[in-house]
Amino acid sequence: MKYYSTRDPKQTKFDSAQVIKQGLATDGGLFVPDEIPSITEEEIKKLCDMTYPERAAYVLAKFLTDYTVDELLEDCKAAYAKTSFPEGAAPLKKVTDSIFSLELWHGPTAAFKDMALQIMPRLLSRALVKTGEDNTALILVATSGDTGKAALEGYKDIDRIKIMVFYPVDGVSKVQKLQMATQAGNNVNVCAIRGNFDDAQTGVKTIFSDTTAKEKLLENSYILSSANSINWGRLAPQIVYYVSAYCDLLNAKEIEYGETVNVCVPTGNFGNILAAFIAKNMGVPLNKFVCASNANNVLTDFLETGTYDRNRKFHLTMSPSMDILISSNLERLLYFSSDADTTAEYMAELSHNGKYTVSDAIKAKISENFCGYFADEEETSATIRKYFNEYEYLADTHTSVALACAEKFITKNGDGKKMIVASTASPYKFAADVYGSIAGKSASEGTGALDDLSALTNTEITLPLRDLDKKEIRFTKVIDSSEMLNEVYNFM
């Protein structure tokens, strides 16, 4: 299988190892496969009898054809081992008669990003060998909270790789900030910026497109790569979630094969929900994709009107990983719904004017699969309280946005289908807001909120988040976004 840029009408093709190493196309576009491989009924039934690592290797082998099946199986078994995922990778839990929570956060940093960022460093290490690369890979990451810590944990002390993470100083939770500030590893660096996630993401993309910067880095034996979901090596493992979840529904006898189910994903950068869409195009019987947003509802408006407009007020919410106004992976959906010339045109409009409007034909094509809802702060808080009190299910702030939007979809649509809701973080990553939503009062400061939530709900603090306050603070620097490139040079 080959890959090419969403903005390249000539469709210059690359192997998967090259695109995983490179991250972003030279024209600023995102890499996409030249075809979506199929998965048959027989294959899905075969996958039902496999472990999660075996399912992951099987699905990834369809996309990463320059990796051997044995290589992928070895890496998947290492990535999703019990030592990293003691509760298992991607367990599916029944919450109501129709809603099932796909808990993607049982990894080493208690966020769904672990699911891709435990396997991705292994794929990149192999890619360096496969492409004959002699230089050190410098991973640049912009994060709204969870990606940064998961990437740092995945790449720490990996040979021939260094990683630098930028995050908005006031745009992550206290637990997320503490996780990144205390990160161990000799090849890692963390820096906060004054601004929001979009400023951090734009800064990283600017560095990637800066020819002079790349040349200077190469002179010092560094090449750039990315751990954000703009990198295909990060997005491809996410496809497995939805193949596996469908298998688990079959195994639990909640559905019969061929019965379609809906999927609701709390969405920021659009990678996770796009992975579900790709799984459907492979042949997994998925129906509608509910794009769940918080008060930063740029995607809700886009799916309703066809106009993507980032020129709006930016809200800092209790679900900070979704506080995003530029959803990068939407570009891949635009490409799948049109062509390279059209996608490049829309991305140029977004860059110059901050908005674009798709044609009626493209909007209609997208609407066949996607719809959008959003939940404000009050609704998010009420949903946390409702699901704990009525269903004894403790959800974090992002998962609660998805649960609220799933309910709206069910009420409006009423198709009676089962709903998979992606649960993207441990409730303890956002303990203060979860506690406040249930108790109706403020939690203790800092990590004391974790103890408060544990006592209130009679649940255990998620293992990776215990004793965070006892770890050494290593990274405290705060800079303007305009200084990001200089900071990269300093790290180099």
Protein backbone atom coordinates (compact mmCIF):
# COMPACT_ATOMS: atom_id res chain seq x y z
CA MET A 1 0.00 0.00 0.00
CA LYS A 2 1.21 3.50 -0.86
CA TYR A 3 0.41 6.94 0.58
CA TYR A 4 0.18 10.45 -0.80
CA SER A 5 -0.66 13.96 0.37
CA THR A 6 -4.20 15.27 0.64
CA ARG A 7 -3.04 18.34 -1.32
CA ASP A 8 -1.04 16.66 -4.09
CA PRO A 9 -3.04 16.20 -7.33
CA LYS A 10 -0.14 14.19 -8.81
CA GLN A 11 -0.45 11.69 -5.94
CA THR A 12 3.29 11.20 -5.47
CA LYS A 13 3.43 7.91 -3.57
CA PHE A 14 5.37 6.85 -0.49
CA ASP A 15 5.69 3.71 1.62
CA SER A 16 4.17 3.73 5.09
CA ALA A 17 7.60 3.73 6.79
CA GLN A 18 8.46 6.98 5.01
CA VAL A 19 5.20 8.71 5.95
CA ILE A 20 5.50 7.59 9.59
CA LYS A 21 9.04 8.95 9.70
CA GLN A 22 8.14 12.18 7.91
CA GLY A 23 4.83 12.92 9.64
CA LEU A 24 3.62 15.81 7.49
CA ALA A 25 3.80 16.09 3.70
CA THR A 26 6.14 18.73 2.31
CA ASP A 27 3.20 20.64 0.82
CA GLY A 28 1.56 20.90 4.25
CA GLY A 29 -0.97 18.18 3.52
CA LEU A 30 -1.65 15.00 5.46
CA PHE A 31 -0.77 11.55 4.19
CA VAL A 32 -3.63 9.20 3.21
CA PRO A 33 -3.58 5.63 1.88
CA ASP A 34 -4.14 5.13 -1.84
CA GLU A 35 -6.97 2.74 -0.99
CA ILE A 36 -8.96 1.62 2.03
CA PRO A 37 -8.42 -2.13 2.50
CA SER A 38 -11.43 -4.33 3.06
CA ILE A 39 -12.27 -6.53 6.03
CA THR A 40 -14.75 -9.34 5.50
CA GLU A 41 -17.38 -10.95 7.70
CA GLU A 42 -15.19 -14.03 7.94
CA GLU A 43 -12.22 -11.92 9.07
CA ILE A 44 -14.23 -10.08 11.72
CA LYS A 45 -15.49 -13.36 13.14
CA LYS A 46 -11.89 -14.60 13.17
CA LEU A 47 -10.82 -11.45 15.04
CA CYS A 48 -13.45 -12.15 17.70
CA ASP A 49 -11.28 -15.01 18.95
CA MET A 50 -8.13 -12.90 19.13
CA THR A 51 -6.58 -10.79 21.88
CA TYR A 52 -6.39 -7.01 21.41
CA PRO A 53 -2.69 -7.10 20.39
CA GLU A 54 -3.48 -9.79 17.80
CA ARG A 55 -6.41 -7.76 16.46
CA ALA A 56 -4.21 -4.67 16.25
CA ALA A 57 -1.46 -6.44 14.34
CA TYR A 58 -3.99 -7.98 11.93
CA VAL A 59 -5.61 -4.62 11.10
CA LEU A 60 -2.35 -2.67 10.92
CA ALA A 61 -0.91 -5.26 8.52
CA LYS A 62 -3.55 -4.19 6.00
CA PHE A 63 -2.23 -0.62 6.02
CA LEU A 64 1.49 -0.95 6.80
CA THR A 65 2.41 -3.45 4.10
CA ASP A 66 6.14 -2.68 4.21
CA TYR A 67 6.18 -4.00 7.79
CA THR A 68 6.02 -7.76 8.25
CA VAL A 69 3.18 -9.38 10.18
CA ASP A 70 5.73 -10.75 12.65
CA GLU A 71 7.16 -7.26 13.24
CA LEU A 72 3.71 -5.81 13.86
CA LEU A 73 2.68 -8.64 16.16
CA GLU A 74 5.86 -8.27 18.18
CA ASP A 75 5.33 -4.52 18.53
CA CYS A 76 1.63 -4.79 19.36
CA LYS A 77 2.24 -7.41 22.03
CA ALA A 78 4.88 -5.15 23.59
CA ALA A 79 2.76 -2.01 23.31
CA TYR A 80 -0.43 -3.49 24.78
CA ALA A 81 1.15 -5.72 27.43
CA LYS A 82 -0.45 -6.06 30.87
CA THR A 83 2.43 -4.07 32.34
CA SER A 84 1.22 -0.99 30.44
CA PHE A 85 -2.50 -1.83 30.33
CA PRO A 86 -3.28 -3.71 33.56
CA GLU A 87 -7.04 -3.41 32.95
CA GLY A 88 -6.62 -4.51 29.35
CA ALA A 89 -6.53 -2.42 26.18
CA ALA A 90 -9.82 -0.86 25.03
CA PRO A 91 -12.34 -2.75 27.23
CA LEU A 92 -16.00 -2.22 26.28
CA LYS A 93 -18.34 -1.67 29.24
CA LYS A 94 -22.12 -1.68 29.14
CA VAL A 95 -23.50 1.52 30.70
CA THR A 96 -27.18 1.42 29.69
CA ASP A 97 -29.25 -0.92 27.54
CA SER A 98 -28.12 0.96 24.44
CA ILE A 99 -24.88 2.78 25.39
CA PHE A 100 -21.50 1.03 25.64
CA SER A 101 -18.40 2.85 26.84
CA LEU A 102 -15.21 2.05 24.93
CA GLU A 103 -12.66 2.78 27.65
CA LEU A 104 -9.46 3.73 25.89
CA TRP A 105 -7.67 5.17 28.92
CA HIS A 106 -6.30 2.20 30.86
CA GLY A 107 -2.70 2.82 29.75
CA PRO A 108 0.35 4.40 31.42
CA THR A 109 -0.89 8.01 31.32
CA ALA A 110 -4.64 7.35 31.84
CA ALA A 111 -5.68 8.84 28.48
CA PHE A 112 -6.76 7.36 25.16
CA LYS A 113 -3.65 8.75 23.50
CA ASP A 114 -1.70 5.87 25.08
CA MET A 115 -3.44 3.44 22.77
CA ALA A 116 -1.65 4.88 19.73
CA LEU A 117 1.43 6.32 21.42
CA GLN A 118 2.59 3.04 22.92
CA ILE A 119 2.75 1.45 19.47
CA MET A 120 3.81 4.47 17.41
CA PRO A 121 7.39 4.79 18.79
CA ARG A 122 7.99 1.18 17.83
CA LEU A 123 6.69 1.82 14.33
CA LEU A 124 8.93 4.88 14.01
CA SER A 125 12.02 3.03 15.24
CA ARG A 126 11.46 0.41 12.55
CA ALA A 127 10.77 3.16 9.98
CA LEU A 128 14.19 4.72 10.62
CA VAL A 129 15.81 1.37 9.79
CA LYS A 130 13.54 0.62 6.82
CA THR A 131 14.25 4.00 5.21
CA GLY A 132 18.00 3.86 5.89
CA GLU A 133 17.83 6.97 8.06
CA ASP A 134 21.10 7.84 9.86
CA ASN A 135 19.91 11.01 11.60
CA THR A 136 18.12 11.39 14.94
CA ALA A 137 14.37 11.92 14.76
CA LEU A 138 13.20 15.03 16.60
CA ILE A 139 9.54 14.65 17.54
CA LEU A 140 7.64 17.92 17.90
CA VAL A 141 4.25 17.78 19.61
CA ALA A 142 1.54 20.37 20.24
CA THR A 143 -0.83 19.18 22.93
CA SER A 144 -4.07 20.22 24.57
CA GLY A 145 -3.11 17.97 27.48
CA ASP A 146 -3.20 14.24 26.87
CA THR A 147 -1.18 13.77 23.68
CA GLY A 148 1.86 15.43 25.23
CA LYS A 149 2.14 13.17 28.25
CA ALA A 150 1.32 10.04 26.26
CA ALA A 151 3.95 10.91 23.64
CA LEU A 152 6.55 11.70 26.29
CA GLU A 153 5.88 8.40 28.00
CA GLY A 154 5.96 6.46 24.72
CA TYR A 155 9.17 8.01 23.41
CA LYS A 156 11.20 8.48 26.59
CA ASP A 157 14.73 7.06 26.35
CA ILE A 158 14.12 5.59 22.88
CA ASP A 159 17.40 5.45 20.94
CA ARG A 160 17.90 7.95 18.11
CA ILE A 161 14.74 9.87 19.02
CA LYS A 162 14.27 13.10 20.96
CA ILE A 163 10.89 14.63 21.77
CA MET A 164 9.75 18.15 22.57
CA VAL A 165 6.23 19.01 23.71
CA PHE A 166 4.49 22.41 23.68
CA TYR A 167 1.26 23.03 25.59
CA PRO A 168 -0.91 26.10 26.40
CA VAL A 169 0.04 27.22 29.91
CA ASP A 170 -3.56 27.89 30.97
CA GLY A 171 -5.23 25.34 28.69
CA VAL A 172 -4.62 22.02 30.47
CA SER A 173 -5.78 20.58 33.78
CA LYS A 174 -3.57 20.71 36.88
CA VAL A 175 -3.07 16.97 36.71
CA GLN A 176 -2.11 17.11 33.02
CA LYS A 177 0.37 19.93 33.68
CA LEU A 178 1.91 18.05 36.60
CA GLN A 179 2.19 14.88 34.52
CA MET A 180 4.19 16.71 31.85
CA ALA A 181 6.27 18.81 34.25
CA THR A 182 7.47 15.69 36.08
CA GLN A 183 8.22 13.60 32.97
CA ALA A 184 11.28 11.37 33.27
CA GLY A 185 13.67 10.61 30.42
CA ASN A 186 16.98 11.88 29.06
CA ASN A 187 15.63 12.68 25.58
CA VAL A 188 12.56 14.75 26.52
CA ASN A 189 11.71 18.43 26.86
CA VAL A 190 8.50 20.24 27.76
CA CYS A 191 7.65 23.90 27.31
CA ALA A 192 4.46 25.88 27.98
CA ILE A 193 3.35 28.68 25.66
CA ARG A 194 1.28 31.77 26.28
CA GLY A 195 -1.79 31.16 24.13
CA ASN A 196 -4.16 28.32 23.34
CA PHE A 197 -3.76 24.91 21.72
CA ASP A 198 -4.32 26.28 18.22
CA ASP A 199 -1.36 28.63 18.77
CA ALA A 200 0.80 25.67 19.77
CA GLN A 201 -0.41 23.55 16.86
CA THR A 202 0.12 26.38 14.36
CA GLY A 203 3.61 26.93 15.75
CA VAL A 204 4.56 23.29 15.25
CA LYS A 205 3.11 23.23 11.72
CA THR A 206 5.05 26.40 10.90
CA ILE A 207 8.30 24.79 12.00
CA PHE A 208 7.53 21.73 9.86
CA SER A 209 7.05 23.93 6.79
CA ASP A 210 10.14 26.11 7.49
CA THR A 211 12.75 25.02 4.95
CA THR A 212 15.54 26.97 6.63
CA ALA A 213 14.76 25.40 9.99
CA LYS A 214 14.77 21.92 8.49
CA GLU A 215 18.14 22.57 6.85
CA LYS A 216 19.63 23.82 10.11
CA LEU A 217 18.33 20.77 11.93
CA LEU A 218 19.67 18.45 9.24
CA GLU A 219 23.10 20.10 9.50
CA ASN A 220 23.04 19.00 13.12
CA SER A 221 21.90 15.46 12.22
CA TYR A 222 18.20 15.87 13.09
CA ILE A 223 15.08 15.23 11.05
CA LEU A 224 11.61 16.35 12.11
CA SER A 225 8.69 14.06 12.81
CA SER A 226 5.39 14.34 14.64
CA ALA A 227 3.46 12.35 17.24
CA ASN A 228 0.21 14.24 16.71
CA SER A 229 -2.61 12.55 14.82
CA ILE A 230 -1.52 14.37 11.67
CA ASN A 231 1.00 11.48 11.52
CA TRP A 232 -0.48 8.37 9.91
CA GLY A 233 1.46 6.23 12.38
CA ARG A 234 -0.64 7.76 15.13
CA LEU A 235 -3.98 7.56 13.32
CA ALA A 236 -3.76 4.01 11.95
CA PRO A 237 -3.73 2.31 15.39
CA GLN A 238 -6.95 4.13 16.23
CA ILE A 239 -8.81 2.27 13.49
CA VAL A 240 -8.34 -0.88 15.56
CA TYR A 241 -10.49 0.51 18.42
CA TYR A 242 -13.67 0.26 16.41
CA VAL A 243 -12.93 -3.09 14.78
CA SER A 244 -12.24 -4.47 18.26
CA ALA A 245 -15.32 -2.87 19.84
CA TYR A 246 -17.56 -4.43 17.20
CA CYS A 247 -15.98 -7.82 17.92
CA ASP A 248 -16.61 -7.33 21.64
CA LEU A 249 -20.28 -6.54 21.01
CA LEU A 250 -20.54 -9.74 18.99
CA ASN A 251 -18.78 -11.75 21.71
CA ALA A 252 -21.14 -10.32 24.35
CA LYS A 253 -24.10 -11.31 22.14
CA GLU A 254 -25.36 -7.72 22.25
CA ILE A 255 -25.62 -7.75 18.44
CA GLU A 256 -25.61 -10.21 15.58
CA TYR A 257 -23.18 -9.86 12.69
CA GLY A 258 -24.36 -7.30 10.14
CA GLU A 259 -26.29 -5.30 12.72
CA THR A 260 -24.99 -1.74 12.48
CA VAL A 261 -24.11 0.37 15.50
CA ASN A 262 -23.63 4.09 16.01
CA VAL A 263 -20.43 5.67 17.34
CA CYS A 264 -20.08 8.86 19.39
CA VAL A 265 -16.63 10.39 19.91
CA PRO A 266 -15.64 13.46 21.97
CA THR A 267 -13.77 15.32 19.27
CA GLY A 268 -11.01 17.90 19.10
CA ASN A 269 -8.53 17.24 16.31
CA PHE A 270 -10.91 14.81 14.49
CA GLY A 271 -8.46 11.89 14.41
CA ASN A 272 -10.34 9.42 16.63
CA ILE A 273 -13.68 9.82 14.89
CA LEU A 274 -12.00 9.71 11.47
CA ALA A 275 -10.51 6.35 12.43
CA ALA A 276 -14.03 5.05 13.08
CA PHE A 277 -15.07 6.31 9.64
CA ILE A 278 -12.15 4.44 8.05
CA ALA A 279 -13.16 1.27 9.91
CA LYS A 280 -16.64 1.59 8.39
CA ASN A 281 -15.16 2.01 4.93
CA MET A 282 -13.17 -1.18 5.48
CA GLY A 283 -16.43 -3.04 6.02
CA VAL A 284 -17.10 -2.91 9.76
CA PRO A 285 -20.90 -2.55 10.17
CA LEU A 286 -20.93 0.95 11.67
CA ASN A 287 -23.77 3.36 10.98
CA LYS A 288 -23.63 7.02 12.04
CA PHE A 289 -20.77 8.96 13.63
CA VAL A 290 -21.79 11.49 16.26
CA CYS A 291 -19.16 14.21 16.56
CA ALA A 292 -19.38 15.47 20.15
CA SER A 293 -18.03 18.95 20.93
CA ASN A 294 -17.90 21.20 23.97
CA ALA A 295 -18.52 24.96 23.89
CA ASN A 296 -15.86 25.24 21.17
CA ASN A 297 -18.42 23.89 18.73
CA VAL A 298 -16.75 24.73 15.43
CA LEU A 299 -17.28 21.14 14.21
CA THR A 300 -20.94 21.12 15.20
CA ASP A 301 -21.51 24.23 13.12
CA PHE A 302 -19.52 22.81 10.20
CA LEU A 303 -21.48 19.58 10.10
CA GLU A 304 -24.74 21.52 10.25
CA THR A 305 -23.97 24.33 7.82
CA GLY A 306 -21.01 23.26 5.69
CA THR A 307 -19.03 26.33 6.81
CA TYR A 308 -15.90 25.85 8.90
CA ASP A 309 -15.18 29.12 10.71
CA ARG A 310 -12.49 29.36 13.35
CA ASN A 311 -13.11 33.11 13.74
CA ARG A 312 -14.99 32.85 17.00
CA LYS A 313 -14.51 33.17 20.73
CA PHE A 314 -12.21 30.53 22.20
CA HIS A 315 -13.53 28.93 25.40
CA LEU A 316 -11.46 27.38 28.17
CA THR A 317 -13.62 24.50 29.38
CA MET A 318 -13.53 21.60 31.81
CA SER A 319 -12.83 19.34 28.81
CA PRO A 320 -9.57 21.02 27.68
CA SER A 321 -8.44 18.31 25.26
CA MET A 322 -11.35 19.43 23.07
CA ASP A 323 -10.60 23.14 23.33
CA ILE A 324 -9.62 23.32 19.68
CA LEU A 325 -10.77 25.52 16.79
CA ILE A 326 -8.56 24.02 14.06
CA SER A 327 -9.32 20.31 13.69
CA SER A 328 -6.42 19.10 11.57
CA ASN A 329 -7.73 15.66 10.63
CA LEU A 330 -10.86 17.14 9.10
CA GLU A 331 -8.58 17.73 6.10
CA ARG A 332 -8.42 13.97 5.53
CA LEU A 333 -12.22 13.74 5.54
CA LEU A 334 -12.41 16.60 3.04
CA TYR A 335 -10.01 14.69 0.80
CA PHE A 336 -12.00 11.46 1.07
CA SER A 337 -15.11 13.50 0.17
CA SER A 338 -13.58 15.42 -2.76
CA ASP A 339 -10.06 15.53 -4.25
CA ALA A 340 -6.59 17.02 -3.70
CA ASP A 341 -7.20 20.27 -5.60
CA THR A 342 -10.40 21.00 -3.69
CA THR A 343 -8.80 20.12 -0.34
CA ALA A 344 -5.81 22.37 -1.02
CA GLU A 345 -8.18 25.20 -1.95
CA TYR A 346 -10.15 24.86 1.30
CA MET A 347 -6.97 24.69 3.40
CA ALA A 348 -5.64 27.84 1.73
CA GLU A 349 -8.91 29.62 2.52
CA LEU A 350 -8.67 28.49 6.13
CA SER A 351 -5.12 29.76 6.37
CA HIS A 352 -5.87 33.14 4.80
CA ASN A 353 -9.41 33.86 5.99
CA GLY A 354 -9.93 31.51 8.91
CA LYS A 355 -12.88 29.84 7.25
CA TYR A 356 -14.19 27.99 4.20
CA THR A 357 -17.52 26.64 2.95
CA VAL A 358 -17.73 23.27 1.23
CA SER A 359 -19.95 22.65 -1.77
CA ASP A 360 -23.45 21.23 -1.33
CA ALA A 361 -22.29 17.94 -2.85
CA ILE A 362 -19.42 17.56 -0.35
CA LYS A 363 -21.65 18.55 2.57
CA ALA A 364 -24.25 15.96 1.51
CA LYS A 365 -21.57 13.27 1.25
CA ILE A 366 -20.23 14.07 4.72
CA SER A 367 -23.75 14.16 6.18
CA GLU A 368 -24.34 10.59 5.05
CA ASN A 369 -22.01 9.49 7.84
CA PHE A 370 -21.54 12.36 10.30
CA CYS A 371 -23.67 14.56 12.49
CA GLY A 372 -22.62 16.98 15.24
CA TYR A 373 -23.89 17.92 18.68
CA PHE A 374 -22.34 19.87 21.51
CA ALA A 375 -22.67 20.10 25.29
CA ASP A 376 -21.96 23.26 27.25
CA GLU A 377 -20.37 23.33 30.71
CA GLU A 378 -23.66 23.00 32.56
CA GLU A 379 -24.76 20.03 30.45
CA THR A 380 -21.37 18.36 30.86
CA SER A 381 -21.51 18.72 34.63
CA ALA A 382 -25.10 17.47 34.79
CA THR A 383 -24.20 14.42 32.69
CA ILE A 384 -21.32 13.49 35.01
CA ARG A 385 -23.72 13.67 37.95
CA LYS A 386 -26.50 11.77 36.16
CA TYR A 387 -24.37 8.86 35.01
CA PHE A 388 -22.81 8.42 38.43
CA ASN A 389 -26.07 8.65 40.36
CA GLU A 390 -28.29 6.69 37.96
CA TYR A 391 -25.89 4.19 36.40
CA GLU A 392 -22.97 4.11 38.86
CA TYR A 393 -20.69 5.04 35.98
CA LEU A 394 -17.94 7.55 36.71
CA ALA A 395 -17.04 9.49 33.57
CA ASP A 396 -14.49 12.20 32.95
CA THR A 397 -15.42 15.56 31.47
CA HIS A 398 -14.70 14.60 27.85
CA THR A 399 -16.56 11.31 28.02
CA SER A 400 -19.48 13.19 29.58
CA VAL A 401 -19.61 15.55 26.61
CA ALA A 402 -19.91 12.46 24.41
CA LEU A 403 -22.57 10.88 26.64
CA ALA A 404 -24.62 14.09 26.56
CA CYS A 405 -24.34 14.27 22.76
CA ALA A 406 -25.13 10.57 22.38
CA GLU A 407 -28.36 11.13 24.33
CA LYS A 408 -29.27 14.07 22.09
CA PHE A 409 -28.69 11.93 19.01
CA ILE A 410 -30.75 9.05 20.42
CA THR A 411 -33.61 11.38 21.35
CA LYS A 412 -33.66 13.05 17.94
CA ASN A 413 -32.85 10.03 15.78
CA GLY A 414 -34.51 7.17 17.62
CA ASP A 415 -33.09 4.45 15.35
CA GLY A 416 -32.82 1.97 18.22
CA LYS A 417 -29.25 0.99 17.39
CA LYS A 418 -26.58 0.32 19.98
CA MET A 419 -24.20 3.22 20.60
CA ILE A 420 -20.44 2.95 21.21
CA VAL A 421 -19.22 5.99 23.13
CA ALA A 422 -15.47 6.56 23.14
CA SER A 423 -14.30 7.18 26.71
CA THR A 424 -11.06 9.08 26.34
CA ALA A 425 -9.67 9.75 29.82
CA SER A 426 -9.77 8.59 33.40
CA PRO A 427 -12.14 10.69 35.53
CA TYR A 428 -9.18 11.26 37.85
CA LYS A 429 -7.34 13.28 35.20
CA PHE A 430 -10.03 15.92 35.72
CA ALA A 431 -10.79 15.11 39.34
CA ALA A 432 -11.65 18.64 40.47
CA ASP A 433 -14.35 19.14 37.85
CA VAL A 434 -15.74 15.62 38.22
CA TYR A 435 -15.86 16.01 42.00
CA GLY A 436 -17.51 19.42 41.75
CA SER A 437 -20.11 18.10 39.31
CA ILE A 438 -21.17 15.32 41.68
CA ALA A 439 -20.69 16.96 45.08
CA GLY A 440 -21.86 20.45 44.16
CA LYS A 441 -18.86 22.05 45.84
CA SER A 442 -15.21 22.70 45.12
CA ALA A 443 -12.57 20.04 45.58
CA SER A 444 -9.27 20.49 47.39
CA GLU A 445 -6.46 22.26 45.59
CA GLY A 446 -4.04 20.40 43.32
CA THR A 447 -3.76 16.66 43.69
CA GLY A 448 -5.97 16.76 46.77
CA ALA A 449 -8.89 16.65 44.35
CA LEU A 450 -7.98 13.05 43.49
CA ASP A 451 -8.35 12.01 47.13
CA ASP A 452 -11.64 13.91 47.38
CA LEU A 453 -13.07 12.15 44.32
CA SER A 454 -11.95 8.75 45.58
CA ALA A 455 -13.61 9.30 48.94
CA LEU A 456 -16.82 10.66 47.41
CA THR A 457 -17.29 7.87 44.86
CA ASN A 458 -15.65 4.98 46.71
CA THR A 459 -13.43 4.30 43.71
CA GLU A 460 -9.65 3.94 43.46
CA ILE A 461 -7.42 6.64 42.02
CA THR A 462 -6.23 5.50 38.58
CA LEU A 463 -2.81 3.91 39.09
CA PRO A 464 -0.64 6.22 36.91
CA LEU A 465 -2.00 9.29 38.73
CA ARG A 466 -1.14 8.22 42.25
CA ASP A 467 1.62 10.11 44.10
CA LEU A 468 2.04 12.68 41.32
CA ASP A 469 2.73 15.38 43.92
CA LYS A 470 5.78 13.45 45.13
CA LYS A 471 7.57 13.51 41.76
CA GLU A 472 10.31 15.98 40.85
CA ILE A 473 9.26 19.03 38.82
CA ARG A 474 11.62 19.18 35.83
CA PHE A 475 10.01 21.56 33.32
CA THR A 476 8.71 25.04 34.19
CA LYS A 477 9.57 27.26 31.20
CA VAL A 478 6.83 29.44 29.65
CA ILE A 479 7.40 31.25 26.32
CA ASP A 480 5.50 33.15 23.64
CA SER A 481 4.47 31.03 20.65
CA SER A 482 6.78 33.14 18.47
CA GLU A 483 9.74 31.74 20.42
CA MET A 484 8.98 28.07 19.72
CA LEU A 485 11.59 27.60 16.98
CA ASN A 486 14.34 29.11 19.13
CA GLU A 487 13.36 26.76 21.91
CA VAL A 488 13.68 23.84 19.51
CA TYR A 489 17.19 25.04 18.60
CA ASN A 490 18.07 25.32 22.30
CA PHE A 491 16.89 21.74 22.88
CA MET A 492 18.84 20.55 19.84
